[in-house]
Amino acid sequence: MNLVGVLLWPLGWALAALVTQGILDFMTDPSFEYIDPTSTLPDLQKTIGVAVVGFWIIFSTVAAPVIIQNVMAHGIQPGGALLAAASAVFSRPPPRLRALPRPLPAPAFLPSPLARRA
C-alpha cells in the first residue's frame, strides 16, 4: 500500500490545484467593480487572495502527498487530516516576546561620555 500511496501523490496535487483555481477565480471576479468603480474593495480582495493563494500553494504542496499517503497506508479520512493539520498550525499561541537585556555599565576607569569636562 505504501507504493500505491506514492503513486497517487499527483492525485493530491490535482485536488489541491482545484482549490487553488477556485481561489484564483474569486480573486479575478469583477463583480465588486460594478457596484462602485472607485472603491478599494477589489484591491483588498486581490491582496487577501494573493496571501491565501501563497499560503495554500506552499501548504498543499507538502500536505497533499502526506495526506494521500496516509489515506492509502492507514485508511484515514482525508478531510479530517487536512482540518487537523490546519488547526494545529493556527491553534499555537504566538511566541512570547522576551525583554531585551540591559546594557552593562561602563567600567569605572573609563570616563563617562556624558560627564562634563572642566
PDB file of N, CA and C in Angstrom:
ATOM      1  N   MET A   1       0.805  -1.201   0.000  1.00  0.00           N
ATOM      2  CA  MET A   1       0.000   0.000   0.000  1.00  0.00           C
ATOM      3  C   MET A   1       0.851   1.270   0.000  1.00  0.00           C
ATOM      4  N   ASN A   2       2.068   1.188   0.516  1.00  0.00           N
ATOM      5  CA  ASN A   2       2.906   2.380   0.518  1.00  0.00           C
ATOM      6  C   ASN A   2       3.271   2.810  -0.896  1.00  0.00           C
ATOM      7  N   LEU A   3       3.549   1.860  -1.770  1.00  0.00           N
ATOM      8  CA  LEU A   3       3.877   2.187  -3.150  1.00  0.00           C
ATOM      9  C   LEU A   3       2.681   2.800  -3.868  1.00  0.00           C
ATOM     10  N   VAL A   4       1.494   2.267  -3.609  1.00  0.00           N
ATOM     11  CA  VAL A   4       0.281   2.825  -4.219  1.00  0.00           C
ATOM     12  C   VAL A   4       0.066   4.254  -3.722  1.00  0.00           C
ATOM     13  N   GLY A   5       0.331   4.486  -2.436  1.00  0.00           N
ATOM     14  CA  GLY A   5       0.199   5.840  -1.905  1.00  0.00           C
ATOM     15  C   GLY A   5       1.140   6.818  -2.574  1.00  0.00           C
ATOM     16  N   VAL A   6       2.363   6.390  -2.827  1.00  0.00           N
ATOM     17  CA  VAL A   6       3.332   7.253  -3.514  1.00  0.00           C
ATOM     18  C   VAL A   6       2.891   7.500  -4.951  1.00  0.00           C
ATOM     19  N   LEU A   7       2.349   6.492  -5.592  1.00  0.00           N
ATOM     20  CA  LEU A   7       1.896   6.651  -6.973  1.00  0.00           C
ATOM     21  C   LEU A   7       0.692   7.591  -7.076  1.00  0.00           C
ATOM     22  N   LEU A   8      -0.055   7.754  -5.988  1.00  0.00           N
ATOM     23  CA  LEU A   8      -1.226   8.629  -6.007  1.00  0.00           C
ATOM     24  C   LEU A   8      -0.935  10.043  -5.508  1.00  0.00           C
ATOM     25  N   TRP A   9       0.317  10.380  -5.265  1.00  0.00           N
ATOM     26  CA  TRP A   9       0.653  11.744  -4.861  1.00  0.00           C
ATOM     27  C   TRP A   9       0.152  12.781  -5.871  1.00  0.00           C
ATOM     28  N   PRO A  10       0.262  12.547  -7.199  1.00  0.00           N
ATOM     29  CA  PRO A  10      -0.269  13.541  -8.145  1.00  0.00           C
ATOM     30  C   PRO A  10      -1.777  13.771  -7.996  1.00  0.00           C
ATOM     31  N   LEU A  11      -2.510  12.769  -7.498  1.00  0.00           N
ATOM     32  CA  LEU A  11      -3.937  12.968  -7.250  1.00  0.00           C
ATOM     33  C   LEU A  11      -4.141  14.022  -6.154  1.00  0.00           C
ATOM     34  N   GLY A  12      -3.316  13.986  -5.127  1.00  0.00           N
ATOM     35  CA  GLY A  12      -3.393  15.009  -4.079  1.00  0.00           C
ATOM     36  C   GLY A  12      -3.064  16.386  -4.617  1.00  0.00           C
ATOM     37  N   TRP A  13      -2.064  16.467  -5.472  1.00  0.00           N
ATOM     38  CA  TRP A  13      -1.720  17.756  -6.054  1.00  0.00           C
ATOM     39  C   TRP A  13      -2.829  18.243  -6.985  1.00  0.00           C
ATOM     40  N   ALA A  14      -3.501  17.330  -7.682  1.00  0.00           N
ATOM     41  CA  ALA A  14      -4.604  17.726  -8.558  1.00  0.00           C
ATOM     42  C   ALA A  14      -5.771  18.270  -7.735  1.00  0.00           C
ATOM     43  N   LEU A  15      -6.075  17.649  -6.610  1.00  0.00           N
ATOM     44  CA  LEU A  15      -7.147  18.152  -5.756  1.00  0.00           C
ATOM     45  C   LEU A  15      -6.777  19.521  -5.169  1.00  0.00           C
ATOM     46  N   ALA A  16      -5.515  19.686  -4.810  1.00  0.00           N
ATOM     47  CA  ALA A  16      -5.061  20.980  -4.304  1.00  0.00           C
ATOM     48  C   ALA A  16      -5.130  22.039  -5.409  1.00  0.00           C
ATOM     49  N   ALA A  17      -4.879  21.644  -6.649  1.00  0.00           N
ATOM     50  CA  ALA A  17      -4.950  22.586  -7.766  1.00  0.00           C
ATOM     51  C   ALA A  17      -6.386  23.052  -7.999  1.00  0.00           C
ATOM     52  N   LEU A  18      -7.368  22.197  -7.723  1.00  0.00           N
ATOM     53  CA  LEU A  18      -8.769  22.615  -7.838  1.00  0.00           C
ATOM     54  C   LEU A  18      -9.095  23.727  -6.842  1.00  0.00           C
ATOM     55  N   VAL A  19      -8.610  23.592  -5.627  1.00  0.00           N
ATOM     56  CA  VAL A  19      -8.835  24.636  -4.625  1.00  0.00           C
ATOM     57  C   VAL A  19      -8.098  25.912  -5.029  1.00  0.00           C
ATOM     58  N   THR A  20      -6.887  25.773  -5.530  1.00  0.00           N
ATOM     59  CA  THR A  20      -6.127  26.936  -5.987  1.00  0.00           C
ATOM     60  C   THR A  20      -6.863  27.648  -7.110  1.00  0.00           C
ATOM     61  N   GLN A  21      -7.435  26.894  -8.034  1.00  0.00           N
ATOM     62  CA  GLN A  21      -8.177  27.503  -9.142  1.00  0.00           C
ATOM     63  C   GLN A  21      -9.412  28.236  -8.638  1.00  0.00           C
ATOM     64  N   GLY A  22     -10.088  27.682  -7.626  1.00  0.00           N
ATOM     65  CA  GLY A  22     -11.235  28.367  -7.043  1.00  0.00           C
ATOM     66  C   GLY A  22     -10.848  29.686  -6.393  1.00  0.00           C
ATOM     67  N   ILE A  23      -9.725  29.698  -5.704  1.00  0.00           N
ATOM     68  CA  ILE A  23      -9.261  30.940  -5.077  1.00  0.00           C
ATOM     69  C   ILE A  23      -8.891  31.967  -6.147  1.00  0.00           C
ATOM     70  N   LEU A  24      -8.230  31.525  -7.206  1.00  0.00           N
ATOM     71  CA  LEU A  24      -7.866  32.447  -8.282  1.00  0.00           C
ATOM     72  C   LEU A  24      -9.098  32.990  -8.994  1.00  0.00           C
ATOM     73  N   ASP A  25     -10.125  32.164  -9.161  1.00  0.00           N
ATOM     74  CA  ASP A  25     -11.371  32.654  -9.762  1.00  0.00           C
ATOM     75  C   ASP A  25     -12.030  33.705  -8.882  1.00  0.00           C
ATOM     76  N   PHE A  26     -11.993  33.503  -7.574  1.00  0.00           N
ATOM     77  CA  PHE A  26     -12.542  34.505  -6.655  1.00  0.00           C
ATOM     78  C   PHE A  26     -11.749  35.811  -6.743  1.00  0.00           C
ATOM     79  N   MET A  27     -10.443  35.704  -6.848  1.00  0.00           N
ATOM     80  CA  MET A  27      -9.602  36.905  -6.914  1.00  0.00           C
ATOM     81  C   MET A  27      -9.885  37.739  -8.153  1.00  0.00           C
ATOM     82  N   THR A  28     -10.190  37.100  -9.254  1.00  0.00           N
ATOM     83  CA  THR A  28     -10.373  37.815 -10.515  1.00  0.00           C
ATOM     84  C   THR A  28     -11.836  38.108 -10.827  1.00  0.00           C
ATOM     85  N   ASP A  29     -12.728  37.908  -9.866  1.00  0.00           N
ATOM     86  CA  ASP A  29     -14.158  38.170 -10.060  1.00  0.00           C
ATOM     87  C   ASP A  29     -14.384  39.678 -10.131  1.00  0.00           C
ATOM     88  N   PRO A  30     -14.859  40.190 -11.269  1.00  0.00           N
ATOM     89  CA  PRO A  30     -15.022  41.644 -11.399  1.00  0.00           C
ATOM     90  C   PRO A  30     -16.340  42.174 -10.849  1.00  0.00           C
ATOM     91  N   SER A  31     -17.135  41.368 -10.184  1.00  0.00           N
ATOM     92  CA  SER A  31     -18.450  41.818  -9.739  1.00  0.00           C
ATOM     93  C   SER A  31     -18.365  42.923  -8.692  1.00  0.00           C
ATOM     94  N   PHE A  32     -17.281  43.022  -7.934  1.00  0.00           N
ATOM     95  CA  PHE A  32     -17.151  44.100  -6.951  1.00  0.00           C
ATOM     96  C   PHE A  32     -16.961  45.453  -7.629  1.00  0.00           C
ATOM     97  N   GLU A  33     -16.433  45.477  -8.829  1.00  0.00           N
ATOM     98  CA  GLU A  33     -16.163  46.739  -9.512  1.00  0.00           C
ATOM     99  C   GLU A  33     -17.421  47.361 -10.107  1.00  0.00           C
ATOM    100  N   TYR A  34     -18.502  46.598 -10.273  1.00  0.00           N
ATOM    101  CA  TYR A  34     -19.725  47.146 -10.848  1.00  0.00           C
ATOM    102  C   TYR A  34     -20.486  47.996  -9.843  1.00  0.00           C
ATOM    103  N   ILE A  35     -20.338  47.731  -8.572  1.00  0.00           N
ATOM    104  CA  ILE A  35     -21.059  48.489  -7.554  1.00  0.00           C
ATOM    105  C   ILE A  35     -20.477  49.897  -7.435  1.00  0.00           C
ATOM    106  N   ASP A  36     -19.179  49.990  -7.274  1.00  0.00           N
ATOM    107  CA  ASP A  36     -18.503  51.275  -7.130  1.00  0.00           C
ATOM    108  C   ASP A  36     -17.126  51.157  -7.773  1.00  0.00           C
ATOM    109  N   PRO A  37     -16.966  51.682  -8.986  1.00  0.00           N
ATOM    110  CA  PRO A  37     -15.671  51.527  -9.667  1.00  0.00           C
ATOM    111  C   PRO A  37     -14.507  52.213  -8.959  1.00  0.00           C
ATOM    112  N   THR A  38     -14.786  53.179  -8.072  1.00  0.00           N
ATOM    113  CA  THR A  38     -13.701  53.872  -7.373  1.00  0.00           C
ATOM    114  C   THR A  38     -13.383  53.230  -6.029  1.00  0.00           C
ATOM    115  N   SER A  39     -14.041  52.149  -5.703  1.00  0.00           N
ATOM    116  CA  SER A  39     -13.847  51.506  -4.404  1.00  0.00           C
ATOM    117  C   SER A  39     -12.485  50.813  -4.341  1.00  0.00           C
ATOM    118  N   THR A  40     -11.978  50.674  -3.132  1.00  0.00           N
ATOM    119  CA  THR A  40     -10.723  49.945  -2.934  1.00  0.00           C
ATOM    120  C   THR A  40     -10.972  48.488  -2.567  1.00  0.00           C
ATOM    121  N   LEU A  41     -12.232  48.061  -2.568  1.00  0.00           N
ATOM    122  CA  LEU A  41     -12.559  46.679  -2.225  1.00  0.00           C
ATOM    123  C   LEU A  41     -11.913  45.671  -3.179  1.00  0.00           C
ATOM    124  N   PRO A  42     -11.883  45.913  -4.493  1.00  0.00           N
ATOM    125  CA  PRO A  42     -11.191  44.951  -5.363  1.00  0.00           C
ATOM    126  C   PRO A  42      -9.708  44.818  -5.035  1.00  0.00           C
ATOM    127  N   ASP A  43      -9.058  45.917  -4.654  1.00  0.00           N
ATOM    128  CA  ASP A  43      -7.643  45.835  -4.295  1.00  0.00           C
ATOM    129  C   ASP A  43      -7.453  45.001  -3.033  1.00  0.00           C
ATOM    130  N   LEU A  44      -8.326  45.206  -2.058  1.00  0.00           N
ATOM    131  CA  LEU A  44      -8.266  44.411  -0.836  1.00  0.00           C
ATOM    132  C   LEU A  44      -8.540  42.943  -1.139  1.00  0.00           C
ATOM    133  N   GLN A  45      -9.505  42.685  -2.021  1.00  0.00           N
ATOM    134  CA  GLN A  45      -9.829  41.317  -2.419  1.00  0.00           C
ATOM    135  C   GLN A  45      -8.620  40.644  -3.055  1.00  0.00           C
ATOM    136  N   LYS A  46      -7.915  41.354  -3.899  1.00  0.00           N
ATOM    137  CA  LYS A  46      -6.749  40.769  -4.570  1.00  0.00           C
ATOM    138  C   LYS A  46      -5.576  40.586  -3.615  1.00  0.00           C
ATOM    139  N   THR A  47      -5.407  41.514  -2.688  1.00  0.00           N
ATOM    140  CA  THR A  47      -4.313  41.405  -1.724  1.00  0.00           C
ATOM    141  C   THR A  47      -4.518  40.207  -0.810  1.00  0.00           C
ATOM    142  N   ILE A  48      -5.721  40.075  -0.283  1.00  0.00           N
ATOM    143  CA  ILE A  48      -6.014  38.925   0.575  1.00  0.00           C
ATOM    144  C   ILE A  48      -5.933  37.634  -0.229  1.00  0.00           C
ATOM    145  N   GLY A  49      -6.391  37.678  -1.464  1.00  0.00           N
ATOM    146  CA  GLY A  49      -6.334  36.497  -2.315  1.00  0.00           C
ATOM    147  C   GLY A  49      -4.917  36.035  -2.586  1.00  0.00           C
ATOM    148  N   VAL A  50      -4.010  36.969  -2.816  1.00  0.00           N
ATOM    149  CA  VAL A  50      -2.607  36.608  -3.054  1.00  0.00           C
ATOM    150  C   VAL A  50      -2.009  35.963  -1.816  1.00  0.00           C
ATOM    151  N   ALA A  51      -2.329  36.501  -0.640  1.00  0.00           N
ATOM    152  CA  ALA A  51      -1.816  35.911   0.598  1.00  0.00           C
ATOM    153  C   ALA A  51      -2.361  34.507   0.804  1.00  0.00           C
ATOM    154  N   VAL A  52      -3.647  34.320   0.559  1.00  0.00           N
ATOM    155  CA  VAL A  52      -4.265  32.994   0.734  1.00  0.00           C
ATOM    156  C   VAL A  52      -3.709  32.006  -0.282  1.00  0.00           C
ATOM    157  N   VAL A  53      -3.569  32.436  -1.533  1.00  0.00           N
ATOM    158  CA  VAL A  53      -3.024  31.534  -2.560  1.00  0.00           C
ATOM    159  C   VAL A  53      -1.586  31.155  -2.238  1.00  0.00           C
ATOM    160  N   GLY A  54      -0.793  32.110  -1.791  1.00  0.00           N
ATOM    161  CA  GLY A  54       0.596  31.801  -1.438  1.00  0.00           C
ATOM    162  C   GLY A  54       0.688  30.793  -0.318  1.00  0.00           C
ATOM    163  N   PHE A  55      -0.113  31.003   0.727  1.00  0.00           N
ATOM    164  CA  PHE A  55      -0.123  30.042   1.840  1.00  0.00           C
ATOM    165  C   PHE A  55      -0.631  28.689   1.366  1.00  0.00           C
ATOM    166  N   TRP A  56      -1.710  28.681   0.588  1.00  0.00           N
ATOM    167  CA  TRP A  56      -2.308  27.418   0.168  1.00  0.00           C
ATOM    168  C   TRP A  56      -1.356  26.618  -0.722  1.00  0.00           C
ATOM    169  N   ILE A  57      -0.666  27.268  -1.626  1.00  0.00           N
ATOM    170  CA  ILE A  57       0.243  26.551  -2.532  1.00  0.00           C
ATOM    171  C   ILE A  57       1.380  25.906  -1.749  1.00  0.00           C
ATOM    172  N   ILE A  58       1.961  26.651  -0.810  1.00  0.00           N
ATOM    173  CA  ILE A  58       3.049  26.085  -0.004  1.00  0.00           C
ATOM    174  C   ILE A  58       2.535  24.950   0.870  1.00  0.00           C
ATOM    175  N   PHE A  59       1.397  25.163   1.537  1.00  0.00           N
ATOM    176  CA  PHE A  59       0.838  24.156   2.430  1.00  0.00           C
ATOM    177  C   PHE A  59       0.428  22.900   1.670  1.00  0.00           C
ATOM    178  N   SER A  60      -0.283  23.077   0.548  1.00  0.00           N
ATOM    179  CA  SER A  60      -0.812  21.909  -0.164  1.00  0.00           C
ATOM    180  C   SER A  60       0.275  21.123  -0.899  1.00  0.00           C
ATOM    181  N   THR A  61       1.363  21.776  -1.272  1.00  0.00           N
ATOM    182  CA  THR A  61       2.448  21.059  -1.934  1.00  0.00           C
ATOM    183  C   THR A  61       3.046  20.010  -1.010  1.00  0.00           C
ATOM    184  N   VAL A  62       3.123  20.323   0.274  1.00  0.00           N
ATOM    185  CA  VAL A  62       3.669  19.376   1.248  1.00  0.00           C
ATOM    186  C   VAL A  62       2.579  18.481   1.826  1.00  0.00           C
ATOM    187  N   ALA A  63       1.426  19.067   2.132  1.00  0.00           N
ATOM    188  CA  ALA A  63       0.381  18.319   2.836  1.00  0.00           C
ATOM    189  C   ALA A  63      -0.347  17.319   1.949  1.00  0.00           C
ATOM    190  N   ALA A  64      -0.561  17.630   0.684  1.00  0.00           N
ATOM    191  CA  ALA A  64      -1.328  16.737  -0.183  1.00  0.00           C
ATOM    192  C   ALA A  64      -0.688  15.354  -0.321  1.00  0.00           C
ATOM    193  N   PRO A  65       0.611  15.233  -0.596  1.00  0.00           N
ATOM    194  CA  PRO A  65       1.187  13.893  -0.674  1.00  0.00           C
ATOM    195  C   PRO A  65       1.149  13.153   0.664  1.00  0.00           C
ATOM    196  N   VAL A  66       1.359  13.881   1.752  1.00  0.00           N
ATOM    197  CA  VAL A  66       1.329  13.234   3.065  1.00  0.00           C
ATOM    198  C   VAL A  66      -0.071  12.699   3.366  1.00  0.00           C
ATOM    199  N   ILE A  67      -1.090  13.489   3.063  1.00  0.00           N
ATOM    200  CA  ILE A  67      -2.469  13.057   3.328  1.00  0.00           C
ATOM    201  C   ILE A  67      -2.837  11.884   2.440  1.00  0.00           C
ATOM    202  N   ILE A  68      -2.506  11.933   1.156  1.00  0.00           N
ATOM    203  CA  ILE A  68      -2.804  10.815   0.252  1.00  0.00           C
ATOM    204  C   ILE A  68      -2.072   9.552   0.709  1.00  0.00           C
ATOM    205  N   GLN A  69      -0.825   9.701   1.144  1.00  0.00           N
ATOM    206  CA  GLN A  69      -0.053   8.551   1.634  1.00  0.00           C
ATOM    207  C   GLN A  69      -0.736   7.943   2.857  1.00  0.00           C
ATOM    208  N   ASN A  70      -1.186   8.780   3.799  1.00  0.00           N
ATOM    209  CA  ASN A  70      -1.847   8.263   4.990  1.00  0.00           C
ATOM    210  C   ASN A  70      -3.204   7.660   4.687  1.00  0.00           C
ATOM    211  N   VAL A  71      -3.901   8.198   3.707  1.00  0.00           N
ATOM    212  CA  VAL A  71      -5.188   7.615   3.313  1.00  0.00           C
ATOM    213  C   VAL A  71      -4.985   6.202   2.777  1.00  0.00           C
ATOM    214  N   MET A  72      -3.974   6.037   1.941  1.00  0.00           N
ATOM    215  CA  MET A  72      -3.743   4.716   1.349  1.00  0.00           C
ATOM    216  C   MET A  72      -3.115   3.736   2.341  1.00  0.00           C
ATOM    217  N   ALA A  73      -2.213   4.202   3.179  1.00  0.00           N
ATOM    218  CA  ALA A  73      -1.495   3.298   4.075  1.00  0.00           C
ATOM    219  C   ALA A  73      -2.298   2.953   5.322  1.00  0.00           C
ATOM    220  N   HIS A  74      -3.025   3.941   5.864  1.00  0.00           N
ATOM    221  CA  HIS A  74      -3.690   3.723   7.143  1.00  0.00           C
ATOM    222  C   HIS A  74      -5.206   3.812   7.074  1.00  0.00           C
ATOM    223  N   GLY A  75      -5.765   4.264   5.977  1.00  0.00           N
ATOM    224  CA  GLY A  75      -7.207   4.329   5.824  1.00  0.00           C
ATOM    225  C   GLY A  75      -7.865   5.482   6.559  1.00  0.00           C
ATOM    226  N   ILE A  76      -7.134   6.574   6.784  1.00  0.00           N
ATOM    227  CA  ILE A  76      -7.738   7.713   7.472  1.00  0.00           C
ATOM    228  C   ILE A  76      -8.566   8.532   6.486  1.00  0.00           C
ATOM    229  N   GLN A  77      -9.413   9.399   7.019  1.00  0.00           N
ATOM    230  CA  GLN A  77     -10.242  10.259   6.178  1.00  0.00           C
ATOM    231  C   GLN A  77      -9.432  11.496   5.773  1.00  0.00           C
ATOM    232  N   PRO A  78      -9.404  11.842   4.490  1.00  0.00           N
ATOM    233  CA  PRO A  78      -8.569  12.967   4.060  1.00  0.00           C
ATOM    234  C   PRO A  78      -9.041  14.319   4.593  1.00  0.00           C
ATOM    235  N   GLY A  79     -10.337  14.530   4.717  1.00  0.00           N
ATOM    236  CA  GLY A  79     -10.831  15.815   5.223  1.00  0.00           C
ATOM    237  C   GLY A  79     -10.432  16.036   6.666  1.00  0.00           C
ATOM    238  N   GLY A  80     -10.515  14.992   7.461  1.00  0.00           N
ATOM    239  CA  GLY A  80     -10.125  15.106   8.865  1.00  0.00           C
ATOM    240  C   GLY A  80      -8.649  15.382   9.019  1.00  0.00           C
ATOM    241  N   ALA A  81      -7.838  14.772   8.180  1.00  0.00           N
ATOM    242  CA  ALA A  81      -6.390  15.012   8.242  1.00  0.00           C
ATOM    243  C   ALA A  81      -6.054  16.437   7.838  1.00  0.00           C
ATOM    244  N   LEU A  82      -6.739  16.957   6.833  1.00  0.00           N
ATOM    245  CA  LEU A  82      -6.486  18.319   6.388  1.00  0.00           C
ATOM    246  C   LEU A  82      -6.901  19.323   7.452  1.00  0.00           C
ATOM    247  N   LEU A  83      -8.064  19.111   8.063  1.00  0.00           N
ATOM    248  CA  LEU A  83      -8.516  20.014   9.124  1.00  0.00           C
ATOM    249  C   LEU A  83      -7.626  19.920  10.356  1.00  0.00           C
ATOM    250  N   ALA A  84      -7.156  18.717  10.685  1.00  0.00           N
ATOM    251  CA  ALA A  84      -6.270  18.559  11.841  1.00  0.00           C
ATOM    252  C   ALA A  84      -4.949  19.283  11.616  1.00  0.00           C
ATOM    253  N   ALA A  85      -4.414  19.201  10.413  1.00  0.00           N
ATOM    254  CA  ALA A  85      -3.150  19.879  10.115  1.00  0.00           C
ATOM    255  C   ALA A  85      -3.333  21.397  10.149  1.00  0.00           C
ATOM    256  N   ALA A  86      -4.445  21.877   9.598  1.00  0.00           N
ATOM    257  CA  ALA A  86      -4.688  23.324   9.595  1.00  0.00           C
ATOM    258  C   ALA A  86      -4.943  23.843  11.003  1.00  0.00           C
ATOM    259  N   SER A  87      -5.688  23.093  11.808  1.00  0.00           N
ATOM    260  CA  SER A  87      -5.964  23.561  13.164  1.00  0.00           C
ATOM    261  C   SER A  87      -4.706  23.515  14.033  1.00  0.00           C
ATOM    262  N   ALA A  88      -3.804  22.583  13.758  1.00  0.00           N
ATOM    263  CA  ALA A  88      -2.556  22.534  14.524  1.00  0.00           C
ATOM    264  C   ALA A  88      -1.699  23.763  14.242  1.00  0.00           C
ATOM    265  N   VAL A  89      -1.752  24.253  13.016  1.00  0.00           N
ATOM    266  CA  VAL A  89      -0.969  25.437  12.667  1.00  0.00           C
ATOM    267  C   VAL A  89      -1.541  26.678  13.331  1.00  0.00           C
ATOM    268  N   PHE A  90      -2.876  26.819  13.309  1.00  0.00           N
ATOM    269  CA  PHE A  90      -3.496  28.044  13.792  1.00  0.00           C
ATOM    270  C   PHE A  90      -3.811  28.025  15.284  1.00  0.00           C
ATOM    271  N   SER A  91      -3.688  26.891  15.952  1.00  0.00           N
ATOM    272  CA  SER A  91      -4.029  26.842  17.367  1.00  0.00           C
ATOM    273  C   SER A  91      -2.837  27.130  18.269  1.00  0.00           C
ATOM    274  N   ARG A  92      -1.667  27.247  17.720  1.00  0.00           N
ATOM    275  CA  ARG A  92      -0.494  27.552  18.531  1.00  0.00           C
ATOM    276  C   ARG A  92      -0.545  29.004  18.979  1.00  0.00           C
ATOM    277  N   PRO A  93      -0.209  29.261  20.237  1.00  0.00           N
ATOM    278  CA  PRO A  93      -0.177  30.665  20.667  1.00  0.00           C
ATOM    279  C   PRO A  93       1.028  31.372  20.052  1.00  0.00           C
ATOM    280  N   PRO A  94       0.931  32.688  19.911  1.00  0.00           N
ATOM    281  CA  PRO A  94       2.076  33.399  19.349  1.00  0.00           C
ATOM    282  C   PRO A  94       3.253  33.333  20.310  1.00  0.00           C
ATOM    283  N   PRO A  95       4.458  33.427  19.787  1.00  0.00           N
ATOM    284  CA  PRO A  95       5.629  33.344  20.667  1.00  0.00           C
ATOM    285  C   PRO A  95       5.677  34.545  21.599  1.00  0.00           C
ATOM    286  N   ARG A  96       6.185  34.319  22.807  1.00  0.00           N
ATOM    287  CA  ARG A  96       6.309  35.397  23.780  1.00  0.00           C
ATOM    288  C   ARG A  96       7.540  36.232  23.453  1.00  0.00           C
ATOM    289  N   LEU A  97       7.373  37.508  23.626  1.00  0.00           N
ATOM    290  CA  LEU A  97       8.496  38.405  23.413  1.00  0.00           C
ATOM    291  C   LEU A  97       9.256  38.552  24.724  1.00  0.00           C
ATOM    292  N   ARG A  98      10.529  38.349  24.661  1.00  0.00           N
ATOM    293  CA  ARG A  98      11.353  38.496  25.853  1.00  0.00           C
ATOM    294  C   ARG A  98      11.884  39.919  25.928  1.00  0.00           C
ATOM    295  N   ALA A  99      12.079  40.379  27.131  1.00  0.00           N
ATOM    296  CA  ALA A  99      12.636  41.715  27.323  1.00  0.00           C
ATOM    297  C   ALA A  99      14.095  41.725  26.862  1.00  0.00           C
ATOM    298  N   LEU A 100      14.502  42.838  26.321  1.00  0.00           N
ATOM    299  CA  LEU A 100      15.890  42.970  25.884  1.00  0.00           C
ATOM    300  C   LEU A 100      16.795  43.050  27.101  1.00  0.00           C
ATOM    301  N   PRO A 101      17.978  42.482  27.031  1.00  0.00           N
ATOM    302  CA  PRO A 101      18.886  42.558  28.182  1.00  0.00           C
ATOM    303  C   PRO A 101      19.362  43.995  28.388  1.00  0.00           C
ATOM    304  N   ARG A 102      19.588  44.329  29.632  1.00  0.00           N
ATOM    305  CA  ARG A 102      20.078  45.667  29.949  1.00  0.00           C
ATOM    306  C   ARG A 102      21.550  45.773  29.572  1.00  0.00           C
ATOM    307  N   PRO A 103      21.945  46.962  29.109  1.00  0.00           N
ATOM    308  CA  PRO A 103      23.363  47.118  28.764  1.00  0.00           C
ATOM    309  C   PRO A 103      24.225  47.105  30.026  1.00  0.00           C
ATOM    310  N   LEU A 104      25.420  46.633  29.880  1.00  0.00           N
ATOM    311  CA  LEU A 104      26.350  46.597  31.009  1.00  0.00           C
ATOM    312  C   LEU A 104      26.822  48.004  31.345  1.00  0.00           C
ATOM    313  N   PRO A 105      27.020  48.295  32.615  1.00  0.00           N
ATOM    314  CA  PRO A 105      27.527  49.635  32.960  1.00  0.00           C
ATOM    315  C   PRO A 105      28.977  49.783  32.501  1.00  0.00           C
ATOM    316  N   ALA A 106      29.341  51.016  32.246  1.00  0.00           N
ATOM    317  CA  ALA A 106      30.707  51.295  31.802  1.00  0.00           C
ATOM    318  C   ALA A 106      31.661  51.049  32.964  1.00  0.00           C
ATOM    319  N   PRO A 107      32.867  50.554  32.676  1.00  0.00           N
ATOM    320  CA  PRO A 107      33.840  50.364  33.754  1.00  0.00           C
ATOM    321  C   PRO A 107      34.181  51.697  34.432  1.00  0.00           C
ATOM    322  N   ALA A 108      34.546  51.626  35.701  1.00  0.00           N
ATOM    323  CA  ALA A 108      34.787  52.836  36.496  1.00  0.00           C
ATOM    324  C   ALA A 108      36.004  53.602  36.011  1.00  0.00           C
ATOM    325  N   PHE A 109      36.964  52.937  35.380  1.00  0.00           N
ATOM    326  CA  PHE A 109      38.180  53.629  34.981  1.00  0.00           C
ATOM    327  C   PHE A 109      38.011  54.402  33.676  1.00  0.00           C
ATOM    328  N   LEU A 110      36.890  54.205  32.958  1.00  0.00           N
ATOM    329  CA  LEU A 110      36.650  54.965  31.733  1.00  0.00           C
ATOM    330  C   LEU A 110      35.757  56.154  32.054  1.00  0.00           C
ATOM    331  N   PRO A 111      36.048  57.327  31.510  1.00  0.00           N
ATOM    332  CA  PRO A 111      35.181  58.470  31.772  1.00  0.00           C
ATOM    333  C   PRO A 111      33.858  58.309  31.026  1.00  0.00           C
ATOM    334  N   SER A 112      32.821  58.786  31.636  1.00  0.00           N
ATOM    335  CA  SER A 112      31.504  58.733  31.014  1.00  0.00           C
ATOM    336  C   SER A 112      31.455  59.731  29.863  1.00  0.00           C
ATOM    337  N   PRO A 113      30.848  59.383  28.754  1.00  0.00           N
ATOM    338  CA  PRO A 113      30.775  60.337  27.648  1.00  0.00           C
ATOM    339  C   PRO A 113      29.874  61.514  27.983  1.00  0.00           C
ATOM    340  N   LEU A 114      29.017  61.395  28.984  1.00  0.00           N
ATOM    341  CA  LEU A 114      28.114  62.463  29.338  1.00  0.00           C
ATOM    342  C   LEU A 114      28.683  63.369  30.437  1.00  0.00           C
ATOM    343  N   ALA A 115      29.829  62.997  31.021  1.00  0.00           N
ATOM    344  CA  ALA A 115      30.405  63.790  32.098  1.00  0.00           C
ATOM    345  C   ALA A 115      30.939  65.122  31.566  1.00  0.00           C
ATOM    346  N   ARG A 116      30.788  66.151  32.377  1.00  0.00           N
ATOM    347  CA  ARG A 116      31.278  67.464  31.967  1.00  0.00           C
ATOM    348  C   ARG A 116      32.782  67.553  32.209  1.00  0.00           C
ATOM    349  N   ARG A 117      33.390  68.177  31.259  1.00  0.00           N
ATOM    350  CA  ARG A 117      34.834  68.373  31.412  1.00  0.00           C
ATOM    351  C   ARG A 117      35.081  69.808  31.876  1.00  0.00           C
ATOM    352  N   ALA A 118      35.939  69.937  32.831  1.00  0.00           N
ATOM    353  CA  ALA A 118      36.192  71.291  33.361  1.00  0.00           C
ATOM    354  C   ALA A 118      37.393  71.932  32.720  1.00  0.00           C
TER     355      ALA A 118
END
